Amino acid sequence: MLEDLKSNNLAWSLRKTEADPQFFKRLEGQQSPEYLWIGCSDSRVPANEIVDLDPGELFVHRNVANLAPPQDANYLSVLQFAVDVIKVKHILVVGHYGCGGVAAAVDGQRRGLVDHWLHPIREVYAEHRAELEALPAGVVRENRLCELNVRRQVRNVAADVFVQDAWARGHALCVHGWVYSLSNGLVTDMNVDISSVADATSATADRDQLERGFSRLEPEARALIVLHHYLDLPLPEVANVLGIPLGTAKSRLHRALQSMRAVLDADARGTDVPEGRFA
């Protein structure tokens, strides 16, 4: 049974030994990777291969939709072992575009137990509803939700007591958020690195301020900002997605960014900006 897999295993072992006779001897020694990878169970997202690391160089935890829920004993056990025993220096939360778990969380269908597991993604959707529903339904909206989910899980990791205690002990530890693309094999850094308690507190405050500002923009303004600045779509593609002329997209994007800055400035001052500032 499964003779093909056993044959593959033998061939792999021989290739490794031929290339490096001491490879498996080294693996028998102490496990001391510098990285913990928290990723999706999707078979198309092989952690070690994506970052070209050998066995023993990456400590890996995978689950459906790359969640880091504070009530999950499996994830927490991996996190504690990685931080307290292996003493990793970096924790990478890695989602991927086209994630079936993320899509299943918000498509309205019922699948059983996994619906409970995916509930945190529905919470992320509700938290960012204004931004997401300004985008076209389908792939664009789902991919943005994949990014937002990674950001949320980064904050979950950074808020955990094991990570916070490590920082208190002076352990150099940084939490990162990436999203992997199945279409080209590249990762996109979400630039949400957190390496201290102060970083974690600041990230939460900045997120809350942006959400308040974003929710006060009109739908087209939200869509323009998300598509061009968050998803990095060229402006001609943005115009095509929204069904508006390129010149109109340029002028409205400029006004949208002005409005966003005005809302954030007003929020910082504690003053109001009239609703519908962007038309």
C-alpha atoms as a PDB file:
ATOM      1  CA  MET A   1       0.000   0.000   0.000  1.00  0.00           C
ATOM      2  CA  LEU A   2       1.234   3.502  -0.898  1.00  0.00           C
ATOM      3  CA  GLU A   3       4.259   1.990  -2.593  1.00  0.00           C
ATOM      4  CA  ASP A   4       4.666   5.086  -4.749  1.00  0.00           C
ATOM      5  CA  LEU A   5       5.129   7.270  -1.684  1.00  0.00           C
ATOM      6  CA  LYS A   6       7.587   4.828  -0.132  1.00  0.00           C
ATOM      7  CA  SER A   7       9.574   4.818  -3.374  1.00  0.00           C
ATOM      8  CA  ASN A   8       9.554   8.597  -3.412  1.00  0.00           C
ATOM      9  CA  ASN A   9      10.820   8.621   0.166  1.00  0.00           C
ATOM     10  CA  LEU A  10      13.696   6.282  -0.669  1.00  0.00           C
ATOM     11  CA  ALA A  11      14.674   8.336  -3.705  1.00  0.00           C
ATOM     12  CA  TRP A  12      14.532  11.565  -1.689  1.00  0.00           C
ATOM     13  CA  SER A  13      16.692  10.097   1.078  1.00  0.00           C
ATOM     14  CA  LEU A  14      19.289   8.910  -1.435  1.00  0.00           C
ATOM     15  CA  ARG A  15      19.380  12.326  -3.172  1.00  0.00           C
ATOM     16  CA  LYS A  16      19.883  14.088   0.151  1.00  0.00           C
ATOM     17  CA  THR A  17      22.657  11.728   1.214  1.00  0.00           C
ATOM     18  CA  GLU A  18      24.435  11.965  -2.124  1.00  0.00           C
ATOM     19  CA  ALA A  19      24.384  15.756  -2.019  1.00  0.00           C
ATOM     20  CA  ASP A  20      25.321  15.966   1.671  1.00  0.00           C
ATOM     21  CA  PRO A  21      26.462  12.753   3.426  1.00  0.00           C
ATOM     22  CA  GLN A  22      26.083  14.381   6.878  1.00  0.00           C
ATOM     23  CA  PHE A  23      22.571  15.779   6.274  1.00  0.00           C
ATOM     24  CA  PHE A  24      20.629  13.264   8.367  1.00  0.00           C
ATOM     25  CA  LYS A  25      23.347  13.076  11.019  1.00  0.00           C
ATOM     26  CA  ARG A  26      22.912  16.789  11.596  1.00  0.00           C
ATOM     27  CA  LEU A  27      19.135  16.412  11.816  1.00  0.00           C
ATOM     28  CA  GLU A  28      19.601  13.918  14.625  1.00  0.00           C
ATOM     29  CA  GLY A  29      21.191  16.704  16.651  1.00  0.00           C
ATOM     30  CA  GLN A  30      19.442  19.548  18.382  1.00  0.00           C
ATOM     31  CA  GLN A  31      16.514  21.255  16.679  1.00  0.00           C
ATOM     32  CA  SER A  32      17.237  24.980  16.675  1.00  0.00           C
ATOM     33  CA  PRO A  33      15.332  26.798  13.917  1.00  0.00           C
ATOM     34  CA  GLU A  34      15.121  30.580  14.115  1.00  0.00           C
ATOM     35  CA  TYR A  35      11.635  30.721  12.611  1.00  0.00           C
ATOM     36  CA  LEU A  36       8.132  29.627  13.529  1.00  0.00           C
ATOM     37  CA  TRP A  37       5.795  29.464  10.520  1.00  0.00           C
ATOM     38  CA  ILE A  38       2.045  29.695  11.214  1.00  0.00           C
ATOM     39  CA  GLY A  39       0.426  28.908   7.894  1.00  0.00           C
ATOM     40  CA  CYS A  40      -2.535  27.383   6.116  1.00  0.00           C
ATOM     41  CA  SER A  41      -3.063  23.636   5.718  1.00  0.00           C
ATOM     42  CA  ASP A  42      -3.537  24.106   1.962  1.00  0.00           C
ATOM     43  CA  SER A  43      -1.404  21.511   0.141  1.00  0.00           C
ATOM     44  CA  ARG A  44      -0.285  24.157  -2.363  1.00  0.00           C
ATOM     45  CA  VAL A  45       1.525  26.174   0.323  1.00  0.00           C
ATOM     46  CA  PRO A  46       4.587  24.116   1.404  1.00  0.00           C
ATOM     47  CA  ALA A  47       6.330  26.176   4.063  1.00  0.00           C
ATOM     48  CA  ASN A  48       9.937  25.004   3.714  1.00  0.00           C
ATOM     49  CA  GLU A  49       9.891  25.088  -0.076  1.00  0.00           C
ATOM     50  CA  ILE A  50       8.476  28.607  -0.285  1.00  0.00           C
ATOM     51  CA  VAL A  51      11.411  30.047   1.672  1.00  0.00           C
ATOM     52  CA  ASP A  52      13.917  27.421   0.436  1.00  0.00           C
ATOM     53  CA  LEU A  53      14.859  26.065   3.870  1.00  0.00           C
ATOM     54  CA  ASP A  54      15.883  22.517   4.729  1.00  0.00           C
ATOM     55  CA  PRO A  55      14.210  20.322   7.345  1.00  0.00           C
ATOM     56  CA  GLY A  56      15.293  21.523  10.774  1.00  0.00           C
ATOM     57  CA  GLU A  57      15.436  25.178   9.745  1.00  0.00           C
ATOM     58  CA  LEU A  58      11.738  26.041  10.092  1.00  0.00           C
ATOM     59  CA  PHE A  59       9.346  25.122  12.913  1.00  0.00           C
ATOM     60  CA  VAL A  60       5.889  24.790  11.349  1.00  0.00           C
ATOM     61  CA  HIS A  61       2.286  24.968  12.555  1.00  0.00           C
ATOM     62  CA  ARG A  62      -0.502  24.752   9.971  1.00  0.00           C
ATOM     63  CA  ASN A  63      -4.268  24.866  10.183  1.00  0.00           C
ATOM     64  CA  VAL A  64      -7.224  25.860   8.028  1.00  0.00           C
ATOM     65  CA  ALA A  65      -6.909  29.576   7.124  1.00  0.00           C
ATOM     66  CA  ASN A  66      -3.715  30.171   9.182  1.00  0.00           C
ATOM     67  CA  LEU A  67      -5.491  31.176  12.382  1.00  0.00           C
ATOM     68  CA  ALA A  68      -3.879  31.971  15.729  1.00  0.00           C
ATOM     69  CA  PRO A  69      -6.892  31.723  18.057  1.00  0.00           C
ATOM     70  CA  PRO A  70      -6.117  32.325  21.745  1.00  0.00           C
ATOM     71  CA  GLN A  71      -8.389  29.444  22.806  1.00  0.00           C
ATOM     72  CA  ASP A  72      -6.753  26.735  20.628  1.00  0.00           C
ATOM     73  CA  ALA A  73      -4.532  24.444  22.726  1.00  0.00           C
ATOM     74  CA  ASN A  74      -2.783  23.003  19.653  1.00  0.00           C
ATOM     75  CA  TYR A  75      -1.626  26.388  18.384  1.00  0.00           C
ATOM     76  CA  LEU A  76      -0.757  27.598  21.892  1.00  0.00           C
ATOM     77  CA  SER A  77       1.360  24.491  22.579  1.00  0.00           C
ATOM     78  CA  VAL A  78       3.318  25.054  19.379  1.00  0.00           C
ATOM     79  CA  LEU A  79       3.742  28.746  20.192  1.00  0.00           C
ATOM     80  CA  GLN A  80       4.973  28.100  23.726  1.00  0.00           C
ATOM     81  CA  PHE A  81       7.409  25.393  22.597  1.00  0.00           C
ATOM     82  CA  ALA A  82       8.756  27.617  19.827  1.00  0.00           C
ATOM     83  CA  VAL A  83       9.203  30.652  22.068  1.00  0.00           C
ATOM     84  CA  ASP A  84      10.217  29.105  25.404  1.00  0.00           C
ATOM     85  CA  VAL A  85      12.098  25.966  24.347  1.00  0.00           C
ATOM     86  CA  ILE A  86      13.425  26.466  20.814  1.00  0.00           C
ATOM     87  CA  LYS A  87      13.660  30.235  21.362  1.00  0.00           C
ATOM     88  CA  VAL A  88      12.863  31.256  17.808  1.00  0.00           C
ATOM     89  CA  LYS A  89      13.663  34.797  16.763  1.00  0.00           C
ATOM     90  CA  HIS A  90      10.893  35.265  14.221  1.00  0.00           C
ATOM     91  CA  ILE A  91       7.248  34.201  14.020  1.00  0.00           C
ATOM     92  CA  LEU A  92       5.742  34.363  10.536  1.00  0.00           C
ATOM     93  CA  VAL A  93       1.976  34.337  10.063  1.00  0.00           C
ATOM     94  CA  VAL A  94       1.579  33.402   6.397  1.00  0.00           C
ATOM     95  CA  GLY A  95      -1.731  33.410   4.572  1.00  0.00           C
ATOM     96  CA  HIS A  96      -2.284  32.969   0.862  1.00  0.00           C
ATOM     97  CA  TYR A  97      -4.453  34.505  -1.820  1.00  0.00           C
ATOM     98  CA  GLY A  98      -7.238  32.234  -2.982  1.00  0.00           C
ATOM     99  CA  CYS A  99      -7.604  30.684   0.474  1.00  0.00           C
ATOM    100  CA  GLY A 100     -10.568  28.309   0.497  1.00  0.00           C
ATOM    101  CA  GLY A 101     -10.980  28.655   4.256  1.00  0.00           C
ATOM    102  CA  VAL A 102     -11.269  32.429   4.062  1.00  0.00           C
ATOM    103  CA  ALA A 103     -13.796  32.174   1.222  1.00  0.00           C
ATOM    104  CA  ALA A 104     -15.800  29.493   3.059  1.00  0.00           C
ATOM    105  CA  ALA A 105     -16.015  31.655   6.164  1.00  0.00           C
ATOM    106  CA  VAL A 106     -18.107  34.296   4.423  1.00  0.00           C
ATOM    107  CA  ASP A 107     -19.926  32.565   1.562  1.00  0.00           C
ATOM    108  CA  GLY A 108     -23.061  31.865   3.614  1.00  0.00           C
ATOM    109  CA  GLN A 109     -22.902  28.076   3.292  1.00  0.00           C
ATOM    110  CA  ARG A 110     -22.909  25.736   6.276  1.00  0.00           C
ATOM    111  CA  ARG A 111     -20.274  22.993   6.441  1.00  0.00           C
ATOM    112  CA  GLY A 112     -20.421  21.787  10.048  1.00  0.00           C
ATOM    113  CA  LEU A 113     -17.635  21.903  12.616  1.00  0.00           C
ATOM    114  CA  VAL A 114     -15.303  23.936  10.425  1.00  0.00           C
ATOM    115  CA  ASP A 115     -17.795  26.823  10.587  1.00  0.00           C
ATOM    116  CA  HIS A 116     -16.927  27.234  14.264  1.00  0.00           C
ATOM    117  CA  TRP A 117     -13.214  27.184  13.475  1.00  0.00           C
ATOM    118  CA  LEU A 118     -13.657  29.863  10.797  1.00  0.00           C
ATOM    119  CA  HIS A 119     -15.730  32.180  12.983  1.00  0.00           C
ATOM    120  CA  PRO A 120     -12.758  34.522  13.691  1.00  0.00           C
ATOM    121  CA  ILE A 121     -12.618  35.313   9.970  1.00  0.00           C
ATOM    122  CA  ARG A 122     -16.267  36.338  10.027  1.00  0.00           C
ATOM    123  CA  GLU A 123     -15.349  38.655  12.892  1.00  0.00           C
ATOM    124  CA  VAL A 124     -12.570  40.163  10.774  1.00  0.00           C
ATOM    125  CA  TYR A 125     -15.059  40.660   7.956  1.00  0.00           C
ATOM    126  CA  ALA A 126     -17.541  42.388  10.283  1.00  0.00           C
ATOM    127  CA  GLU A 127     -14.791  44.612  11.684  1.00  0.00           C
ATOM    128  CA  HIS A 128     -13.749  45.720   8.184  1.00  0.00           C
ATOM    129  CA  ARG A 129     -17.152  45.555   6.506  1.00  0.00           C
ATOM    130  CA  ALA A 130     -17.042  49.132   5.213  1.00  0.00           C
ATOM    131  CA  GLU A 131     -13.716  48.582   3.476  1.00  0.00           C
ATOM    132  CA  LEU A 132     -14.525  45.117   2.113  1.00  0.00           C
ATOM    133  CA  GLU A 133     -17.975  45.880   0.783  1.00  0.00           C
ATOM    134  CA  ALA A 134     -16.585  48.865  -1.088  1.00  0.00           C
ATOM    135  CA  LEU A 135     -14.677  46.336  -3.212  1.00  0.00           C
ATOM    136  CA  PRO A 136     -16.138  44.208  -6.015  1.00  0.00           C
ATOM    137  CA  ALA A 137     -17.475  40.901  -4.718  1.00  0.00           C
ATOM    138  CA  GLY A 138     -15.418  37.827  -5.551  1.00  0.00           C
ATOM    139  CA  VAL A 139     -11.655  37.425  -5.844  1.00  0.00           C
ATOM    140  CA  VAL A 140     -10.678  41.034  -5.097  1.00  0.00           C
ATOM    141  CA  ARG A 141     -12.736  41.174  -1.914  1.00  0.00           C
ATOM    142  CA  GLU A 142     -11.657  37.696  -0.777  1.00  0.00           C
ATOM    143  CA  ASN A 143      -7.978  38.464  -1.346  1.00  0.00           C
ATOM    144  CA  ARG A 144      -8.265  41.599   0.733  1.00  0.00           C
ATOM    145  CA  LEU A 145      -9.927  39.549   3.471  1.00  0.00           C
ATOM    146  CA  CYS A 146      -6.948  37.159   3.308  1.00  0.00           C
ATOM    147  CA  GLU A 147      -4.658  40.119   4.013  1.00  0.00           C
ATOM    148  CA  LEU A 148      -6.830  41.446   6.821  1.00  0.00           C
ATOM    149  CA  ASN A 149      -6.963  37.989   8.371  1.00  0.00           C
ATOM    150  CA  VAL A 150      -3.152  37.813   8.428  1.00  0.00           C
ATOM    151  CA  ARG A 151      -2.994  41.212  10.094  1.00  0.00           C
ATOM    152  CA  ARG A 152      -5.479  40.089  12.741  1.00  0.00           C
ATOM    153  CA  GLN A 153      -3.574  36.873  13.452  1.00  0.00           C
ATOM    154  CA  VAL A 154      -0.323  38.813  13.802  1.00  0.00           C
ATOM    155  CA  ARG A 155      -1.980  40.889  16.525  1.00  0.00           C
ATOM    156  CA  ASN A 156      -3.276  37.703  18.169  1.00  0.00           C
ATOM    157  CA  VAL A 157       0.224  36.240  18.294  1.00  0.00           C
ATOM    158  CA  ALA A 158       1.718  39.476  19.611  1.00  0.00           C
ATOM    159  CA  ALA A 159      -0.948  39.694  22.327  1.00  0.00           C
ATOM    160  CA  ASP A 160      -0.306  36.191  23.644  1.00  0.00           C
ATOM    161  CA  VAL A 161       1.176  35.847  27.131  1.00  0.00           C
ATOM    162  CA  PHE A 162       4.025  33.606  25.907  1.00  0.00           C
ATOM    163  CA  VAL A 163       5.175  36.268  23.462  1.00  0.00           C
ATOM    164  CA  GLN A 164       4.624  39.129  25.888  1.00  0.00           C
ATOM    165  CA  ASP A 165       6.584  37.323  28.611  1.00  0.00           C
ATOM    166  CA  ALA A 166       9.412  36.638  26.172  1.00  0.00           C
ATOM    167  CA  TRP A 167       9.664  40.353  25.411  1.00  0.00           C
ATOM    168  CA  ALA A 168       9.639  41.101  29.145  1.00  0.00           C
ATOM    169  CA  ARG A 169      12.631  38.763  29.536  1.00  0.00           C
ATOM    170  CA  GLY A 170      14.492  40.626  26.812  1.00  0.00           C
ATOM    171  CA  HIS A 171      14.056  37.896  24.177  1.00  0.00           C
ATOM    172  CA  ALA A 172      14.604  39.358  20.699  1.00  0.00           C
ATOM    173  CA  LEU A 173      11.442  38.154  18.955  1.00  0.00           C
ATOM    174  CA  CYS A 174       9.563  39.648  16.015  1.00  0.00           C
ATOM    175  CA  VAL A 175       6.129  38.722  14.615  1.00  0.00           C
ATOM    176  CA  HIS A 176       5.630  39.174  10.864  1.00  0.00           C
ATOM    177  CA  GLY A 177       2.694  38.921   8.454  1.00  0.00           C
ATOM    178  CA  TRP A 178       2.993  37.668   4.866  1.00  0.00           C
ATOM    179  CA  VAL A 179       0.608  36.611   2.125  1.00  0.00           C
ATOM    180  CA  TYR A 180       1.715  34.043  -0.451  1.00  0.00           C
ATOM    181  CA  SER A 181       0.574  34.102  -4.072  1.00  0.00           C
ATOM    182  CA  LEU A 182      -0.274  30.783  -5.702  1.00  0.00           C
ATOM    183  CA  SER A 183      -0.025  32.435  -9.108  1.00  0.00           C
ATOM    184  CA  ASN A 184       3.665  33.379  -8.953  1.00  0.00           C
ATOM    185  CA  GLY A 185       5.132  31.760  -5.828  1.00  0.00           C
ATOM    186  CA  LEU A 186       6.026  35.077  -4.203  1.00  0.00           C
ATOM    187  CA  VAL A 187       5.203  36.399  -0.746  1.00  0.00           C
ATOM    188  CA  THR A 188       3.929  39.902  -0.029  1.00  0.00           C
ATOM    189  CA  ASP A 189       5.081  41.439   3.237  1.00  0.00           C
ATOM    190  CA  MET A 190       2.144  43.120   4.980  1.00  0.00           C
ATOM    191  CA  ASN A 191       4.605  45.364   6.866  1.00  0.00           C
ATOM    192  CA  VAL A 192       2.954  44.715  10.210  1.00  0.00           C
ATOM    193  CA  ASP A 193       6.072  43.635  12.116  1.00  0.00           C
ATOM    194  CA  ILE A 194       5.713  43.678  15.899  1.00  0.00           C
ATOM    195  CA  SER A 195       8.790  43.222  18.082  1.00  0.00           C
ATOM    196  CA  SER A 196       7.795  44.645  21.474  1.00  0.00           C
ATOM    197  CA  VAL A 197       4.856  45.327  23.772  1.00  0.00           C
ATOM    198  CA  ALA A 198       5.003  48.962  22.673  1.00  0.00           C
ATOM    199  CA  ASP A 199       4.770  47.923  19.006  1.00  0.00           C
ATOM    200  CA  ALA A 200       1.750  45.749  19.769  1.00  0.00           C
ATOM    201  CA  THR A 201      -0.032  48.569  21.596  1.00  0.00           C
ATOM    202  CA  SER A 202       0.775  51.065  18.841  1.00  0.00           C
ATOM    203  CA  ALA A 203      -0.404  48.695  16.101  1.00  0.00           C
ATOM    204  CA  THR A 204      -3.780  48.305  17.798  1.00  0.00           C
ATOM    205  CA  ALA A 205      -4.195  52.069  18.259  1.00  0.00           C
ATOM    206  CA  ASP A 206      -3.201  52.823  14.642  1.00  0.00           C
ATOM    207  CA  ARG A 207      -5.586  50.141  13.370  1.00  0.00           C
ATOM    208  CA  ASP A 208      -8.473  51.571  15.356  1.00  0.00           C
ATOM    209  CA  GLN A 209      -7.810  55.086  14.065  1.00  0.00           C
ATOM    210  CA  LEU A 210      -7.622  53.941  10.435  1.00  0.00           C
ATOM    211  CA  GLU A 211     -10.841  51.968  10.802  1.00  0.00           C
ATOM    212  CA  ARG A 212     -12.678  54.989  12.189  1.00  0.00           C
ATOM    213  CA  GLY A 213     -11.395  57.134   9.348  1.00  0.00           C
ATOM    214  CA  PHE A 214     -12.109  54.560   6.656  1.00  0.00           C
ATOM    215  CA  SER A 215     -15.668  53.931   7.791  1.00  0.00           C
ATOM    216  CA  ARG A 216     -16.489  57.624   7.271  1.00  0.00           C
ATOM    217  CA  LEU A 217     -15.508  57.652   3.604  1.00  0.00           C
ATOM    218  CA  GLU A 218     -18.034  56.898   0.906  1.00  0.00           C
ATOM    219  CA  PRO A 219     -17.888  53.480  -0.831  1.00  0.00           C
ATOM    220  CA  GLU A 220     -16.108  54.559  -4.014  1.00  0.00           C
ATOM    221  CA  ALA A 221     -13.417  56.363  -2.017  1.00  0.00           C
ATOM    222  CA  ARG A 222     -12.820  53.223   0.042  1.00  0.00           C
ATOM    223  CA  ALA A 223     -12.596  51.065  -3.085  1.00  0.00           C
ATOM    224  CA  LEU A 224     -10.109  53.398  -4.780  1.00  0.00           C
ATOM    225  CA  ILE A 225      -7.796  53.484  -1.760  1.00  0.00           C
ATOM    226  CA  VAL A 226      -7.949  49.740  -1.132  1.00  0.00           C
ATOM    227  CA  LEU A 227      -7.433  48.700  -4.753  1.00  0.00           C
ATOM    228  CA  HIS A 228      -4.594  51.097  -5.521  1.00  0.00           C
ATOM    229  CA  HIS A 229      -2.761  51.523  -2.206  1.00  0.00           C
ATOM    230  CA  TYR A 230      -3.491  48.300  -0.320  1.00  0.00           C
ATOM    231  CA  LEU A 231      -3.722  45.789  -3.169  1.00  0.00           C
ATOM    232  CA  ASP A 232      -1.171  47.641  -5.347  1.00  0.00           C
ATOM    233  CA  LEU A 233      -3.271  47.472  -8.514  1.00  0.00           C
ATOM    234  CA  PRO A 234      -2.122  49.871 -11.249  1.00  0.00           C
ATOM    235  CA  LEU A 235      -4.555  52.736 -11.696  1.00  0.00           C
ATOM    236  CA  PRO A 236      -5.740  51.563 -15.160  1.00  0.00           C
ATOM    237  CA  GLU A 237      -6.746  48.226 -13.574  1.00  0.00           C
ATOM    238  CA  VAL A 238      -8.500  50.057 -10.744  1.00  0.00           C
ATOM    239  CA  ALA A 239     -10.475  52.092 -13.258  1.00  0.00           C
ATOM    240  CA  ASN A 240     -11.394  48.903 -15.116  1.00  0.00           C
ATOM    241  CA  VAL A 241     -12.536  47.119 -11.944  1.00  0.00           C
ATOM    242  CA  LEU A 242     -14.714  50.061 -10.927  1.00  0.00           C
ATOM    243  CA  GLY A 243     -15.955  50.703 -14.450  1.00  0.00           C
ATOM    244  CA  ILE A 244     -14.893  54.365 -14.592  1.00  0.00           C
ATOM    245  CA  PRO A 245     -12.590  56.277 -17.002  1.00  0.00           C
ATOM    246  CA  LEU A 246      -8.901  56.456 -16.076  1.00  0.00           C
ATOM    247  CA  GLY A 247      -8.951  60.248 -15.733  1.00  0.00           C
ATOM    248  CA  THR A 248     -11.926  60.030 -13.401  1.00  0.00           C
ATOM    249  CA  ALA A 249     -10.144  57.389 -11.319  1.00  0.00           C
ATOM    250  CA  LYS A 250      -7.088  59.633 -10.969  1.00  0.00           C
ATOM    251  CA  SER A 251      -9.038  62.674  -9.830  1.00  0.00           C
ATOM    252  CA  ARG A 252     -11.288  60.735  -7.480  1.00  0.00           C
ATOM    253  CA  LEU A 253      -8.343  58.881  -5.942  1.00  0.00           C
ATOM    254  CA  HIS A 254      -6.660  62.218  -5.225  1.00  0.00           C
ATOM    255  CA  ARG A 255      -9.822  63.494  -3.555  1.00  0.00           C
ATOM    256  CA  ALA A 256     -10.230  60.227  -1.649  1.00  0.00           C
ATOM    257  CA  LEU A 257      -6.716  60.480  -0.177  1.00  0.00           C
ATOM    258  CA  GLN A 258      -7.326  64.117   0.749  1.00  0.00           C
ATOM    259  CA  SER A 259     -10.515  63.097   2.500  1.00  0.00           C
ATOM    260  CA  MET A 260      -8.799  60.250   4.342  1.00  0.00           C
ATOM    261  CA  ARG A 261      -6.106  62.603   5.600  1.00  0.00           C
ATOM    262  CA  ALA A 262      -8.749  65.110   6.678  1.00  0.00           C
ATOM    263  CA  VAL A 263     -10.661  62.433   8.573  1.00  0.00           C
ATOM    264  CA  LEU A 264      -7.526  61.171  10.346  1.00  0.00           C
ATOM    265  CA  ASP A 265      -6.436  64.713  11.224  1.00  0.00           C
ATOM    266  CA  ALA A 266      -9.886  65.493  12.582  1.00  0.00           C
ATOM    267  CA  ASP A 267      -9.879  62.259  14.559  1.00  0.00           C
ATOM    268  CA  ALA A 268      -6.515  63.166  16.092  1.00  0.00           C
ATOM    269  CA  ARG A 269      -7.860  66.593  17.063  1.00  0.00           C
ATOM    270  CA  GLY A 270     -11.124  65.189  18.354  1.00  0.00           C
ATOM    271  CA  THR A 271     -13.171  67.255  15.874  1.00  0.00           C
ATOM    272  CA  ASP A 272     -15.755  66.168  13.304  1.00  0.00           C
ATOM    273  CA  VAL A 273     -15.623  65.952   9.525  1.00  0.00           C
ATOM    274  CA  PRO A 274     -19.011  66.082   7.768  1.00  0.00           C
ATOM    275  CA  GLU A 275     -20.250  62.768   6.393  1.00  0.00           C
ATOM    276  CA  GLY A 276     -19.959  62.396   2.639  1.00  0.00           C
ATOM    277  CA  ARG A 277     -16.899  64.623   2.289  1.00  0.00           C
ATOM    278  CA  PHE A 278     -15.889  62.560  -0.742  1.00  0.00           C
ATOM    279  CA  ALA A 279     -18.482  62.535  -3.493  1.00  0.00           C
END
